[in-house]
N, C-alpha and C. Protein backbone atom coordinates (compact mmCIF):
# COMPACT_ATOMS: atom_id res chain seq x y z
N MET A 1 127.38 64.13 93.15
CA MET A 1 127.40 65.00 94.59
C MET A 1 128.63 66.24 94.25
N SER A 2 128.24 67.31 94.57
CA SER A 2 129.22 68.25 94.38
C SER A 2 130.42 68.37 95.43
N GLU A 3 131.42 68.97 94.98
CA GLU A 3 132.65 69.04 95.85
C GLU A 3 132.32 69.86 97.17
N PHE A 4 131.41 70.93 97.03
CA PHE A 4 131.04 71.83 98.15
C PHE A 4 130.18 70.93 99.17
N SER A 5 129.33 69.97 98.63
CA SER A 5 128.64 69.20 99.66
C SER A 5 129.48 68.23 100.34
N GLN A 6 130.44 67.72 99.63
CA GLN A 6 131.50 66.69 100.23
C GLN A 6 132.27 67.56 101.29
N ALA A 7 132.71 68.64 100.86
CA ALA A 7 133.49 69.37 101.88
C ALA A 7 132.93 69.87 103.12
N THR A 8 131.67 70.10 102.94
CA THR A 8 130.68 70.54 104.18
C THR A 8 130.51 69.35 104.88
N SER A 9 130.19 68.25 104.26
CA SER A 9 129.84 67.08 105.09
C SER A 9 131.16 66.62 105.96
N ILE A 10 132.33 66.66 105.21
CA ILE A 10 133.61 66.41 106.04
C ILE A 10 133.89 67.32 107.17
N SER A 11 133.59 68.62 106.85
CA SER A 11 133.86 69.63 107.83
C SER A 11 132.82 69.08 109.00
N ARG A 12 131.55 68.83 108.84
CA ARG A 12 130.73 68.77 110.02
C ARG A 12 131.02 67.34 110.73
N ILE A 13 131.53 66.46 109.91
CA ILE A 13 132.10 65.01 110.70
C ILE A 13 133.37 65.42 111.62
N ASN A 14 134.14 66.51 111.17
CA ASN A 14 135.17 66.83 111.94
C ASN A 14 134.82 67.58 113.12
N THR A 15 133.53 67.92 113.41
CA THR A 15 133.08 68.54 114.57
C THR A 15 132.82 67.36 115.55
N LEU A 16 132.94 66.22 115.32
CA LEU A 16 132.47 65.16 116.23
C LEU A 16 133.59 64.86 117.42
N HIS A 17 133.29 64.10 118.34
CA HIS A 17 134.22 63.86 119.50
C HIS A 17 135.38 63.13 118.84
N PRO A 18 136.63 63.37 119.19
CA PRO A 18 137.74 62.70 118.46
C PRO A 18 137.68 61.24 118.22
N ARG A 19 137.05 60.42 119.21
CA ARG A 19 136.89 58.95 119.16
C ARG A 19 136.01 58.54 118.07
N LEU A 20 135.03 59.51 117.60
CA LEU A 20 134.05 58.99 116.43
C LEU A 20 134.34 59.50 115.06
N ILE A 21 135.33 60.46 114.94
CA ILE A 21 135.69 61.04 113.45
C ILE A 21 136.07 60.00 112.80
N SER A 22 137.08 59.01 113.07
CA SER A 22 137.39 57.85 112.11
C SER A 22 136.30 57.15 111.70
N SER A 23 135.51 56.56 112.52
CA SER A 23 134.22 55.83 112.24
C SER A 23 133.45 56.57 111.31
N ALA A 24 133.01 57.65 111.58
CA ALA A 24 132.01 58.46 110.86
C ALA A 24 132.56 58.66 109.38
N MET A 25 133.94 59.02 109.43
CA MET A 25 134.65 59.31 107.97
C MET A 25 134.71 58.03 107.29
N ASP A 26 134.89 56.99 107.88
CA ASP A 26 134.86 55.63 107.10
C ASP A 26 133.54 55.45 106.51
N ILE A 27 132.45 55.39 107.37
CA ILE A 27 131.10 55.26 106.72
C ILE A 27 130.80 56.24 105.76
N TYR A 28 131.08 57.44 105.70
CA TYR A 28 130.73 58.47 104.90
C TYR A 28 131.52 58.22 103.56
N ARG A 29 132.85 58.00 103.64
CA ARG A 29 133.46 57.59 102.41
C ARG A 29 132.92 56.35 101.75
N GLU A 30 132.62 55.24 102.45
CA GLU A 30 132.05 54.03 102.12
C GLU A 30 130.71 54.47 101.19
N CYS A 31 129.88 55.35 101.68
CA CYS A 31 128.61 55.46 101.16
C CYS A 31 128.97 56.41 99.78
N VAL A 32 129.94 57.37 99.82
CA VAL A 32 130.29 57.88 98.73
C VAL A 32 130.63 56.93 97.63
N ALA A 33 131.65 56.07 97.99
CA ALA A 33 132.32 55.16 97.09
C ALA A 33 131.15 54.26 96.45
N GLU A 34 130.05 54.18 97.20
CA GLU A 34 128.87 53.22 96.56
C GLU A 34 127.84 54.17 96.02
N LYS A 35 128.18 55.30 95.65
CA LYS A 35 127.35 56.34 95.00
C LYS A 35 126.10 56.67 95.75
N ILE A 36 126.13 56.44 97.06
CA ILE A 36 124.97 56.89 98.00
C ILE A 36 125.06 58.43 98.24
N PRO A 37 124.23 59.42 97.98
CA PRO A 37 124.48 60.55 97.99
C PRO A 37 124.18 61.27 99.43
N ILE A 38 124.87 60.79 100.45
CA ILE A 38 124.85 61.17 101.75
C ILE A 38 125.37 62.55 101.70
N HIS A 39 124.51 63.50 102.67
CA HIS A 39 125.03 64.84 103.14
C HIS A 39 124.74 64.99 104.45
N ILE A 40 125.91 65.37 105.03
CA ILE A 40 125.88 65.50 106.52
C ILE A 40 125.45 66.96 106.87
N THR A 41 124.18 67.09 107.56
CA THR A 41 123.50 68.31 107.61
C THR A 41 124.05 69.04 109.16
N CYS A 42 124.36 68.36 109.96
CA CYS A 42 124.59 68.64 111.32
C CYS A 42 125.58 67.73 112.00
N GLY A 43 126.35 68.36 112.88
CA GLY A 43 127.33 67.39 113.74
C GLY A 43 127.09 68.07 115.04
N TYR A 44 128.18 68.69 115.52
CA TYR A 44 128.10 69.47 116.96
C TYR A 44 127.23 70.54 116.74
N ARG A 45 126.45 70.74 117.89
CA ARG A 45 125.65 72.01 117.99
C ARG A 45 125.86 72.46 119.44
N SER A 46 126.14 73.75 119.41
CA SER A 46 126.29 74.39 120.66
C SER A 46 124.97 74.42 121.66
N PRO A 47 125.03 74.78 122.84
CA PRO A 47 123.89 74.81 123.74
C PRO A 47 122.93 75.91 123.18
N GLN A 48 123.60 77.08 122.67
CA GLN A 48 122.75 78.20 122.12
C GLN A 48 121.96 77.89 120.89
N GLU A 49 122.78 77.01 119.92
CA GLU A 49 121.97 76.49 118.69
C GLU A 49 120.96 75.58 118.96
N GLN A 50 121.24 74.64 120.16
CA GLN A 50 120.12 73.63 120.33
C GLN A 50 118.87 74.55 120.92
N GLU A 51 119.19 75.63 121.75
CA GLU A 51 118.05 76.32 122.38
C GLU A 51 117.17 76.90 121.31
N THR A 52 117.86 77.50 120.18
CA THR A 52 116.98 77.98 118.91
C THR A 52 116.39 77.05 118.37
N ILE A 53 116.99 75.93 117.93
CA ILE A 53 116.25 74.72 117.36
C ILE A 53 115.05 74.37 118.17
N TYR A 54 115.27 74.34 119.52
CA TYR A 54 114.07 73.86 120.49
C TYR A 54 113.12 74.82 120.27
N LYS A 55 113.36 75.97 120.20
CA LYS A 55 112.20 77.00 120.20
C LYS A 55 111.26 76.92 118.96
N TYR A 56 111.54 76.26 117.81
CA TYR A 56 110.95 76.12 116.61
C TYR A 56 109.61 75.33 116.84
N GLY A 57 108.50 75.85 116.61
CA GLY A 57 107.28 75.18 116.61
C GLY A 57 106.65 75.50 118.15
N ARG A 58 107.38 76.25 118.93
CA ARG A 58 106.91 76.67 120.27
C ARG A 58 106.91 78.17 120.27
N THR A 59 107.92 79.01 120.51
CA THR A 59 107.91 80.37 120.34
C THR A 59 108.27 80.92 119.01
N ILE A 60 109.00 79.97 118.29
CA ILE A 60 109.30 80.45 116.79
C ILE A 60 108.37 79.77 115.99
N PRO A 61 107.66 80.39 114.94
CA PRO A 61 106.67 79.80 114.17
C PRO A 61 107.25 78.66 113.36
N GLY A 62 106.45 77.67 112.94
CA GLY A 62 106.84 76.51 112.24
C GLY A 62 106.91 75.22 112.91
N PRO A 63 107.22 74.16 112.28
CA PRO A 63 107.15 72.77 112.91
C PRO A 63 108.19 72.62 114.00
N ILE A 64 107.65 71.84 115.03
CA ILE A 64 108.66 71.33 115.89
C ILE A 64 110.03 70.64 115.46
N LEU A 65 111.29 71.17 115.55
CA LEU A 65 112.23 70.41 115.16
C LEU A 65 112.90 69.56 116.05
N THR A 66 112.88 69.65 117.35
CA THR A 66 113.47 68.74 118.30
C THR A 66 112.86 68.81 119.42
N THR A 67 112.70 67.68 120.29
CA THR A 67 112.14 67.77 121.60
C THR A 67 113.24 67.72 122.78
N ASN A 68 114.49 67.95 122.27
CA ASN A 68 115.71 68.11 123.16
C ASN A 68 116.01 69.43 123.49
N ARG A 69 115.91 69.96 124.82
CA ARG A 69 116.59 71.03 125.18
C ARG A 69 118.23 71.14 124.98
N PRO A 70 118.77 72.28 125.43
CA PRO A 70 120.27 72.04 125.47
C PRO A 70 120.58 71.18 126.53
N SER A 71 121.71 70.53 126.30
CA SER A 71 122.40 69.49 127.30
C SER A 71 121.62 68.03 127.19
N TYR A 72 120.65 68.05 126.44
CA TYR A 72 119.97 66.67 126.46
C TYR A 72 119.96 66.12 124.98
N SER A 73 120.77 66.63 124.16
CA SER A 73 120.83 66.18 122.84
C SER A 73 122.32 65.72 122.48
N ALA A 74 122.50 64.51 122.07
CA ALA A 74 123.84 64.07 121.66
C ALA A 74 124.66 64.93 120.82
N HIS A 75 124.09 65.72 120.09
CA HIS A 75 124.77 66.80 119.26
C HIS A 75 125.45 67.85 120.16
N ASN A 76 124.94 68.03 121.26
CA ASN A 76 125.75 68.98 122.26
C ASN A 76 127.17 68.31 122.89
N TYR A 77 127.24 67.20 122.76
CA TYR A 77 128.38 66.45 123.33
C TYR A 77 129.35 65.95 122.31
N LYS A 78 129.00 66.21 120.89
CA LYS A 78 129.88 65.82 119.64
C LYS A 78 129.69 64.47 119.35
N LEU A 79 128.46 63.79 119.63
CA LEU A 79 128.33 62.46 119.48
C LEU A 79 127.19 62.07 118.40
N ALA A 80 126.71 63.10 117.69
CA ALA A 80 125.57 62.91 116.89
C ALA A 80 125.88 63.54 115.52
N LEU A 81 125.24 62.98 114.36
CA LEU A 81 125.19 63.51 113.20
C LEU A 81 123.75 63.37 112.59
N ASP A 82 123.41 64.33 111.87
CA ASP A 82 122.18 64.45 110.89
C ASP A 82 122.44 64.16 109.56
N PHE A 83 121.87 63.42 108.79
CA PHE A 83 122.19 63.34 107.34
C PHE A 83 120.88 63.35 106.42
N CYS A 84 121.15 63.69 105.31
CA CYS A 84 120.20 63.57 104.27
C CYS A 84 120.77 63.19 103.07
N PHE A 85 120.06 63.08 101.75
CA PHE A 85 120.71 62.79 100.69
C PHE A 85 120.62 64.17 99.76
N PHE A 86 121.81 64.17 98.80
CA PHE A 86 121.85 65.38 98.02
C PHE A 86 121.55 64.64 96.59
N VAL A 87 120.57 65.02 96.09
CA VAL A 87 120.17 64.59 94.66
C VAL A 87 119.72 65.88 93.87
N ASP A 88 120.19 65.71 92.61
CA ASP A 88 119.83 66.61 91.66
C ASP A 88 120.02 68.11 92.20
N GLY A 89 121.03 68.24 93.01
CA GLY A 89 121.34 69.63 93.74
C GLY A 89 120.30 70.12 94.77
N GLN A 90 119.65 69.07 95.24
CA GLN A 90 118.73 69.36 96.61
C GLN A 90 118.90 68.38 97.49
N MET A 91 118.76 68.94 98.75
CA MET A 91 118.68 68.06 100.02
C MET A 91 117.37 67.38 100.17
N LYS A 92 117.60 66.01 100.20
CA LYS A 92 116.40 65.16 100.26
C LYS A 92 116.33 64.34 101.65
N THR A 93 115.29 64.73 102.38
CA THR A 93 115.16 64.04 103.76
C THR A 93 114.45 62.66 103.41
N TRP A 94 113.97 61.80 104.50
CA TRP A 94 113.41 60.51 104.40
C TRP A 94 112.04 60.83 103.74
N TYR A 95 111.49 61.98 104.49
CA TYR A 95 110.15 62.32 103.89
C TYR A 95 110.16 62.55 102.31
N ASP A 96 111.04 63.10 101.82
CA ASP A 96 111.26 63.60 100.49
C ASP A 96 111.36 62.34 99.52
N VAL A 97 111.86 61.17 100.07
CA VAL A 97 112.12 60.00 99.14
C VAL A 97 111.03 59.11 99.39
N GLN A 98 109.90 59.30 100.05
CA GLN A 98 108.86 58.25 100.37
C GLN A 98 108.17 57.56 99.04
N GLY A 99 108.21 58.39 97.97
CA GLY A 99 107.56 57.86 96.63
C GLY A 99 108.43 56.97 95.80
N THR A 100 109.67 56.91 96.28
CA THR A 100 110.59 56.04 95.41
C THR A 100 111.19 54.91 96.18
N ASP A 101 110.89 53.63 95.86
CA ASP A 101 111.53 52.55 96.54
C ASP A 101 112.93 52.43 96.40
N TYR A 102 113.58 53.03 95.27
CA TYR A 102 115.17 52.86 95.23
C TYR A 102 115.64 53.85 96.28
N TRP A 103 114.98 55.05 96.54
CA TRP A 103 115.63 55.81 97.40
C TRP A 103 115.32 55.32 98.81
N LYS A 104 114.38 54.74 99.09
CA LYS A 104 113.89 54.36 100.53
C LYS A 104 114.91 53.06 100.60
N TRP A 105 115.30 52.34 99.68
CA TRP A 105 116.25 51.04 99.80
C TRP A 105 117.64 51.85 100.33
N MET A 106 118.15 52.74 99.47
CA MET A 106 119.22 53.50 99.61
C MET A 106 119.45 54.06 100.99
N TRP A 107 118.37 54.59 101.47
CA TRP A 107 118.18 55.06 102.96
C TRP A 107 118.58 54.13 104.06
N MET A 108 117.82 53.05 103.72
CA MET A 108 117.96 51.96 104.56
C MET A 108 119.56 51.20 104.62
N LYS A 109 119.92 51.23 103.56
CA LYS A 109 121.21 50.79 103.45
C LYS A 109 122.36 51.55 104.13
N THR A 110 121.94 52.91 104.08
CA THR A 110 122.85 53.96 104.82
C THR A 110 122.74 53.79 106.15
N VAL A 111 121.49 53.68 106.77
CA VAL A 111 121.24 53.25 108.19
C VAL A 111 121.89 52.13 108.68
N LYS A 112 121.75 51.06 107.80
CA LYS A 112 122.50 49.78 108.28
C LYS A 112 124.00 50.05 108.44
N LYS A 113 124.63 50.67 107.52
CA LYS A 113 126.03 50.95 107.67
C LYS A 113 126.46 51.52 109.02
N TRP A 114 125.57 52.65 109.33
CA TRP A 114 126.01 53.20 110.71
C TRP A 114 125.72 52.34 111.86
N ARG A 115 124.61 51.44 111.72
CA ARG A 115 124.21 50.45 112.92
C ARG A 115 125.49 49.52 112.80
N ALA A 116 125.83 48.90 111.72
CA ALA A 116 127.07 48.12 111.67
C ALA A 116 128.29 48.45 112.28
N ALA A 117 128.48 49.80 112.21
CA ALA A 117 129.67 50.28 112.85
C ALA A 117 129.46 50.71 114.36
N GLY A 118 128.29 50.44 115.03
CA GLY A 118 128.17 50.56 116.38
C GLY A 118 127.35 51.99 116.71
N TRP A 119 126.69 52.59 115.78
CA TRP A 119 125.95 53.82 115.90
C TRP A 119 124.53 53.49 116.17
N GLU A 120 123.81 54.31 116.67
CA GLU A 120 122.45 54.00 117.14
C GLU A 120 121.93 55.08 115.97
N SER A 121 120.72 54.44 115.46
CA SER A 121 119.97 55.40 114.50
C SER A 121 118.62 55.58 115.01
N GLY A 122 118.38 56.97 114.83
CA GLY A 122 116.90 57.51 115.18
C GLY A 122 115.83 56.83 114.25
N PHE A 123 116.30 56.20 113.20
CA PHE A 123 115.26 55.51 112.34
C PHE A 123 114.48 54.58 113.10
N PHE A 124 115.19 53.83 114.31
CA PHE A 124 114.60 52.77 114.92
C PHE A 124 113.89 53.15 116.09
N TRP A 125 113.82 54.51 116.58
CA TRP A 125 113.18 54.99 117.84
C TRP A 125 111.95 54.96 117.83
N ASP A 126 111.14 54.53 118.93
CA ASP A 126 109.72 54.62 119.01
C ASP A 126 109.24 55.85 119.30
N TYR A 127 110.15 56.67 120.23
CA TYR A 127 109.69 57.91 120.73
C TYR A 127 110.78 58.98 119.86
N ASN A 128 110.31 60.08 119.60
CA ASN A 128 111.11 61.01 118.84
C ASN A 128 111.83 60.66 117.63
N TRP A 129 110.93 59.78 116.72
CA TRP A 129 111.44 59.32 115.52
C TRP A 129 112.37 60.32 114.75
N GLU A 130 113.48 59.95 114.27
CA GLU A 130 114.34 60.83 113.71
C GLU A 130 115.12 59.94 112.53
N PRO A 131 114.55 59.86 111.46
CA PRO A 131 115.24 58.80 110.36
C PRO A 131 116.64 59.21 109.90
N GLY A 132 117.03 60.55 110.04
CA GLY A 132 118.21 61.05 109.51
C GLY A 132 119.38 61.24 110.48
N HIS A 133 118.99 60.76 111.79
CA HIS A 133 119.86 61.10 112.94
C HIS A 133 120.57 59.78 113.44
N VAL A 134 122.03 59.84 113.52
CA VAL A 134 122.72 58.73 114.08
C VAL A 134 123.60 59.25 115.21
N GLN A 135 123.86 58.43 116.10
CA GLN A 135 124.53 58.98 117.22
C GLN A 135 125.26 57.68 117.80
N ASN A 136 126.51 58.02 118.75
CA ASN A 136 127.31 56.93 119.22
C ASN A 136 127.55 57.70 120.66
N LEU A 137 127.04 57.22 121.72
CA LEU A 137 127.32 57.78 123.06
C LEU A 137 128.47 57.28 123.60
N LEU A 138 129.30 56.57 122.98
CA LEU A 138 130.42 55.93 123.61
C LEU A 138 130.38 55.14 124.94
N ASP A 139 129.28 54.39 124.92
CA ASP A 139 128.81 53.55 126.22
C ASP A 139 128.57 54.35 127.49
N LYS A 140 128.00 55.45 127.25
CA LYS A 140 127.64 56.42 128.24
C LYS A 140 126.11 56.62 128.04
N THR A 141 125.47 57.44 128.91
CA THR A 141 123.96 57.92 128.73
C THR A 141 124.23 59.29 128.66
N ILE A 142 123.14 60.07 128.16
CA ILE A 142 123.27 61.45 128.01
C ILE A 142 123.34 62.00 129.51
N GLY A 143 122.78 61.37 130.42
CA GLY A 143 123.08 61.82 131.80
C GLY A 143 124.26 61.77 132.32
N GLU A 144 125.05 60.76 131.95
CA GLU A 144 126.57 60.57 132.31
C GLU A 144 127.28 61.80 131.61
N TRP A 145 127.17 62.00 130.15
CA TRP A 145 127.74 63.04 129.54
C TRP A 145 127.50 64.36 130.34
N GLN A 146 126.19 64.61 130.87
CA GLN A 146 125.86 65.90 131.45
C GLN A 146 126.71 65.95 132.76
N ILE A 147 126.95 65.17 133.51
CA ILE A 147 127.61 64.92 134.70
C ILE A 147 129.14 65.10 134.53
N ASP A 148 129.65 64.59 133.34
CA ASP A 148 131.16 64.53 132.96
C ASP A 148 131.54 66.02 132.43
N THR A 149 130.50 66.77 132.06
CA THR A 149 130.87 68.01 131.52
C THR A 149 130.84 69.18 132.47
N LYS A 150 130.20 68.85 133.60
CA LYS A 150 129.91 69.93 134.62
C LYS A 150 131.35 70.20 135.39
């Protein structure tokens, strides 16, 4: 994994809610120490960024990237991270590693680390399945976060 990738990942972890940074950093460092090539692709997203992402597959050509409008994503409250693997100089999502049992096993190992630390994984969602998404709502719902930030 390149230093740039690690610096970028750490920078994105640091965009989280202060109560989550330590936990996320511990999981990230554990993955790196175990040679799991995790790369954090997104942490906090502003409402404007969320609106742009929401437009993909709707008013912007391309696939739908999210079902969440601004204020309905854990990213908007600094409570979520998205990750992929960084292999051979390229970012690899869950869909990219499907042909290789080793990488699927490494992905599940990574997801289990997040879950063991109290994070929820989009890998296990029935609706809006997001295999590279983890979040920790700090014992609240998104609705409660919406109310608390008004």
